[in-house]
N, C-alpha and C. Protein backbone atom coordinates (compact mmCIF):
# COMPACT_ATOMS: atom_id res chain seq x y z
N MET A 1 0.82 -1.20 -0.01
CA MET A 1 -0.01 0.00 -0.02
C MET A 1 0.86 1.27 -0.01
N TYR A 2 1.42 1.62 1.14
CA TYR A 2 2.25 2.81 1.26
C TYR A 2 3.72 2.36 1.43
N SER A 3 4.54 3.06 0.67
CA SER A 3 5.99 2.77 0.84
C SER A 3 6.52 3.77 1.90
N ASP A 4 7.77 3.59 2.28
CA ASP A 4 8.37 4.46 3.27
C ASP A 4 8.50 5.89 2.75
N GLN A 5 8.58 6.05 1.47
CA GLN A 5 8.71 7.40 0.88
C GLN A 5 7.43 8.13 0.82
N ASP A 6 6.26 7.43 0.77
CA ASP A 6 4.94 8.08 0.72
C ASP A 6 4.54 8.60 2.05
N VAL A 7 4.82 7.89 3.14
CA VAL A 7 4.45 8.32 4.48
C VAL A 7 5.62 8.90 5.13
N ARG A 8 5.59 10.21 5.33
CA ARG A 8 6.70 10.89 6.00
C ARG A 8 6.18 11.58 7.25
N GLU A 9 7.06 11.70 8.23
CA GLU A 9 6.72 12.40 9.45
C GLU A 9 7.58 13.64 9.61
N CYS A 10 7.03 14.60 10.32
CA CYS A 10 7.80 15.78 10.63
C CYS A 10 8.92 15.37 11.61
N ASN A 11 10.11 15.87 11.37
CA ASN A 11 11.28 15.55 12.20
C ASN A 11 11.18 16.23 13.57
N ILE A 12 10.35 17.25 13.70
CA ILE A 12 10.26 17.96 14.97
C ILE A 12 9.10 17.52 15.81
N CYS A 13 7.88 17.49 15.23
CA CYS A 13 6.69 17.18 16.04
C CYS A 13 6.07 15.83 15.71
N GLN A 14 6.67 15.09 14.75
CA GLN A 14 6.23 13.80 14.30
C GLN A 14 4.81 13.77 13.78
N SER A 15 4.41 14.93 13.24
CA SER A 15 3.05 14.99 12.55
C SER A 15 3.22 14.39 11.21
N GLU A 16 2.12 13.85 10.68
CA GLU A 16 2.14 13.23 9.38
C GLU A 16 1.83 14.23 8.21
N TYR A 17 1.56 15.45 8.58
CA TYR A 17 1.24 16.46 7.57
C TYR A 17 2.51 17.19 7.18
N VAL A 18 3.26 16.57 6.38
CA VAL A 18 4.56 17.11 5.95
C VAL A 18 4.35 17.90 4.72
N HIS A 19 5.00 19.07 4.66
CA HIS A 19 4.94 19.97 3.53
C HIS A 19 5.66 19.30 2.34
N ASN A 20 5.00 19.15 1.20
CA ASN A 20 5.57 18.54 0.01
C ASN A 20 6.57 19.54 -0.60
N GLY A 21 7.72 19.03 -0.91
CA GLY A 21 8.71 19.90 -1.54
C GLY A 21 10.06 19.15 -1.52
N ASP A 22 11.00 19.73 -2.20
CA ASP A 22 12.35 19.18 -2.30
C ASP A 22 13.21 19.77 -1.20
N TYR A 23 13.01 19.28 0.03
CA TYR A 23 13.76 19.77 1.18
C TYR A 23 14.59 18.65 1.79
N ASP A 24 15.72 18.99 2.40
CA ASP A 24 16.53 17.99 3.06
C ASP A 24 15.91 17.38 4.27
N ILE A 25 15.23 18.23 5.03
CA ILE A 25 14.58 17.82 6.28
C ILE A 25 13.07 17.90 6.09
N SER A 26 12.39 16.83 6.40
CA SER A 26 10.94 16.84 6.23
C SER A 26 10.30 17.36 7.51
N VAL A 27 9.66 18.52 7.40
CA VAL A 27 8.92 19.15 8.51
C VAL A 27 7.55 19.62 7.99
N CYS A 28 6.66 19.74 8.98
CA CYS A 28 5.35 20.20 8.65
C CYS A 28 5.30 21.69 8.41
N ILE A 29 4.23 22.23 7.90
CA ILE A 29 4.10 23.66 7.63
C ILE A 29 4.30 24.50 8.89
N ASN A 30 3.67 24.05 10.00
CA ASN A 30 3.76 24.87 11.24
C ASN A 30 5.19 24.90 11.75
N CYS A 31 5.86 23.79 11.73
CA CYS A 31 7.24 23.76 12.22
C CYS A 31 8.17 24.57 11.31
N ARG A 32 7.93 24.49 10.00
CA ARG A 32 8.79 25.23 9.04
C ARG A 32 8.55 26.74 9.25
N ASP A 33 7.30 27.22 9.48
CA ASP A 33 7.06 28.61 9.75
C ASP A 33 7.74 29.07 11.03
N ARG A 34 7.68 28.22 12.09
CA ARG A 34 8.33 28.54 13.37
C ARG A 34 9.86 28.66 13.18
N LEU A 35 10.46 27.75 12.40
CA LEU A 35 11.89 27.83 12.16
C LEU A 35 12.29 29.04 11.30
N LEU A 36 11.47 29.44 10.36
CA LEU A 36 11.75 30.57 9.54
C LEU A 36 11.65 31.86 10.29
N ASN A 37 10.77 31.97 11.22
CA ASN A 37 10.53 33.16 12.00
C ASN A 37 11.30 33.25 13.31
N ARG A 38 12.30 32.42 13.46
CA ARG A 38 13.06 32.37 14.66
C ARG A 38 13.93 33.66 14.80
N PRO A 39 13.89 34.34 15.91
CA PRO A 39 14.61 35.57 16.06
C PRO A 39 16.13 35.35 16.16
N ILE A 40 16.88 36.40 15.79
CA ILE A 40 18.33 36.35 15.87
C ILE A 40 18.73 36.55 17.31
N SER A 41 19.67 35.77 17.81
CA SER A 41 20.08 35.88 19.19
C SER A 41 20.75 37.21 19.51
N ARG A 42 20.81 37.59 20.71
CA ARG A 42 21.40 38.85 21.13
C ARG A 42 22.89 38.85 20.86
N LYS A 43 23.58 37.72 21.07
CA LYS A 43 25.01 37.66 20.84
C LYS A 43 25.36 37.89 19.37
N VAL A 44 24.55 37.31 18.47
CA VAL A 44 24.80 37.49 17.05
C VAL A 44 24.56 38.92 16.65
N THR A 45 23.51 39.54 17.19
CA THR A 45 23.19 40.94 16.90
C THR A 45 24.31 41.88 17.36
N ILE A 46 24.83 41.63 18.58
CA ILE A 46 25.91 42.47 19.08
C ILE A 46 27.17 42.29 18.24
N PHE A 47 27.44 41.09 17.81
CA PHE A 47 28.61 40.76 17.00
C PHE A 47 28.51 41.53 15.65
N ILE A 48 27.37 41.45 15.04
CA ILE A 48 27.14 42.12 13.73
C ILE A 48 27.29 43.61 13.88
N ILE A 49 26.70 44.19 14.90
CA ILE A 49 26.79 45.62 15.14
C ILE A 49 28.26 46.06 15.33
N THR A 50 28.99 45.23 16.13
CA THR A 50 30.40 45.53 16.35
C THR A 50 31.22 45.50 15.06
N ILE A 51 30.99 44.51 14.24
CA ILE A 51 31.73 44.44 12.96
C ILE A 51 31.38 45.57 12.05
N VAL A 52 30.11 45.98 11.98
CA VAL A 52 29.69 47.10 11.16
C VAL A 52 30.36 48.42 11.66
N CYS A 53 30.36 48.60 12.97
CA CYS A 53 30.98 49.83 13.54
C CYS A 53 32.46 49.86 13.28
N LEU A 54 33.16 48.74 13.42
CA LEU A 54 34.58 48.69 13.14
C LEU A 54 34.87 48.96 11.68
N SER A 55 34.00 48.42 10.79
CA SER A 55 34.19 48.68 9.39
C SER A 55 34.03 50.17 9.02
N PHE A 56 33.03 50.80 9.62
CA PHE A 56 32.85 52.23 9.37
C PHE A 56 34.02 53.03 9.93
N LEU A 57 34.52 52.66 11.10
CA LEU A 57 35.67 53.30 11.71
C LEU A 57 36.91 53.19 10.82
N MET A 58 37.11 52.03 10.26
CA MET A 58 38.29 51.81 9.37
C MET A 58 38.12 52.57 8.10
N MET A 59 36.92 52.65 7.54
CA MET A 59 36.72 53.42 6.34
C MET A 59 36.92 54.90 6.59
N TYR A 60 36.55 55.36 7.77
CA TYR A 60 36.71 56.76 8.12
C TYR A 60 38.19 57.09 8.26
N ARG A 61 39.01 56.17 8.82
CA ARG A 61 40.43 56.42 9.06
C ARG A 61 41.31 56.03 7.92
N LEU A 62 40.75 55.43 6.86
CA LEU A 62 41.59 54.93 5.74
C LEU A 62 42.36 56.07 5.07
N PRO A 63 41.76 57.21 4.70
CA PRO A 63 42.55 58.24 4.04
C PRO A 63 43.71 58.75 4.88
N GLU A 64 43.48 58.87 6.19
CA GLU A 64 44.54 59.32 7.11
C GLU A 64 45.74 58.33 7.14
N ALA A 65 45.35 57.07 7.15
CA ALA A 65 46.38 55.97 7.21
C ALA A 65 47.16 55.96 5.87
N LEU A 66 46.47 56.11 4.77
CA LEU A 66 47.15 56.08 3.48
C LEU A 66 48.14 57.30 3.41
N LYS A 67 47.66 58.46 3.86
CA LYS A 67 48.50 59.63 3.82
C LYS A 67 49.74 59.44 4.67
N ALA A 68 49.58 58.90 5.85
CA ALA A 68 50.70 58.64 6.74
C ALA A 68 51.68 57.67 6.10
N GLY A 69 51.13 56.64 5.47
CA GLY A 69 52.01 55.68 4.81
C GLY A 69 52.81 56.25 3.69
N THR A 70 52.17 57.11 2.88
CA THR A 70 52.89 57.71 1.75
C THR A 70 53.93 58.69 2.26
N GLU A 71 53.63 59.44 3.29
CA GLU A 71 54.62 60.37 3.90
C GLU A 71 55.80 59.58 4.47
N PHE A 72 55.51 58.45 5.09
CA PHE A 72 56.60 57.67 5.66
C PHE A 72 57.51 57.18 4.55
N GLU A 73 56.90 56.68 3.45
CA GLU A 73 57.76 56.20 2.29
C GLU A 73 58.55 57.32 1.68
N ARG A 74 57.96 58.49 1.57
CA ARG A 74 58.70 59.65 1.06
C ARG A 74 59.88 59.94 1.94
N GLY A 75 59.71 59.87 3.26
CA GLY A 75 60.83 60.12 4.21
C GLY A 75 61.89 59.12 4.06
N ILE A 76 61.52 57.86 3.90
CA ILE A 76 62.52 56.76 3.72
C ILE A 76 63.26 57.03 2.43
N ASN A 77 62.56 57.32 1.35
CA ASN A 77 63.25 57.56 0.07
C ASN A 77 64.15 58.79 0.11
N HIS A 78 63.71 59.81 0.80
CA HIS A 78 64.54 61.00 0.94
C HIS A 78 65.80 60.75 1.73
N SER A 79 65.66 59.97 2.80
CA SER A 79 66.89 59.65 3.60
C SER A 79 67.81 58.76 2.83
N ASN A 80 67.27 57.83 2.02
CA ASN A 80 68.12 56.95 1.20
C ASN A 80 68.88 57.77 0.16
N VAL A 81 68.26 58.79 -0.42
CA VAL A 81 68.86 59.60 -1.42
C VAL A 81 69.96 60.47 -0.74
N ALA A 82 69.65 60.98 0.44
CA ALA A 82 70.64 61.79 1.16
C ALA A 82 71.82 60.95 1.59
N MET A 83 71.58 59.72 2.02
CA MET A 83 72.69 58.84 2.41
C MET A 83 73.54 58.48 1.22
N HIS A 84 72.91 58.27 0.07
CA HIS A 84 73.61 57.94 -1.16
C HIS A 84 74.55 59.10 -1.64
N LYS A 85 73.97 60.30 -1.51
CA LYS A 85 74.78 61.50 -1.91
C LYS A 85 75.93 61.73 -0.96
N LYS A 86 75.66 61.46 0.29
CA LYS A 86 76.74 61.63 1.34
C LYS A 86 77.87 60.68 1.14
N CYS A 87 77.55 59.41 0.74
CA CYS A 87 78.56 58.40 0.54
C CYS A 87 79.36 58.60 -0.75
N THR A 88 78.82 59.21 -1.73
CA THR A 88 79.55 59.37 -3.01
C THR A 88 80.36 60.61 -3.09
């Protein structure tokens, strides 16, 4: 009559009303809606906010850091030229 593939149970509540579809885990419509609407934990939210704030801070300070790096390289090049002239 029924094969094992025809009768499926929800993996969470063991209901026989499983949503038909090509899913890896067979769950009913109510359990699928509950899983989709699960809130984001506070730790994850704080982590995301921290990463976003650090990214904005780095983007804000990037021009200053690039300018400092180019000035440093100019100073190194100038001192190398001065040392070369002094030695010759």
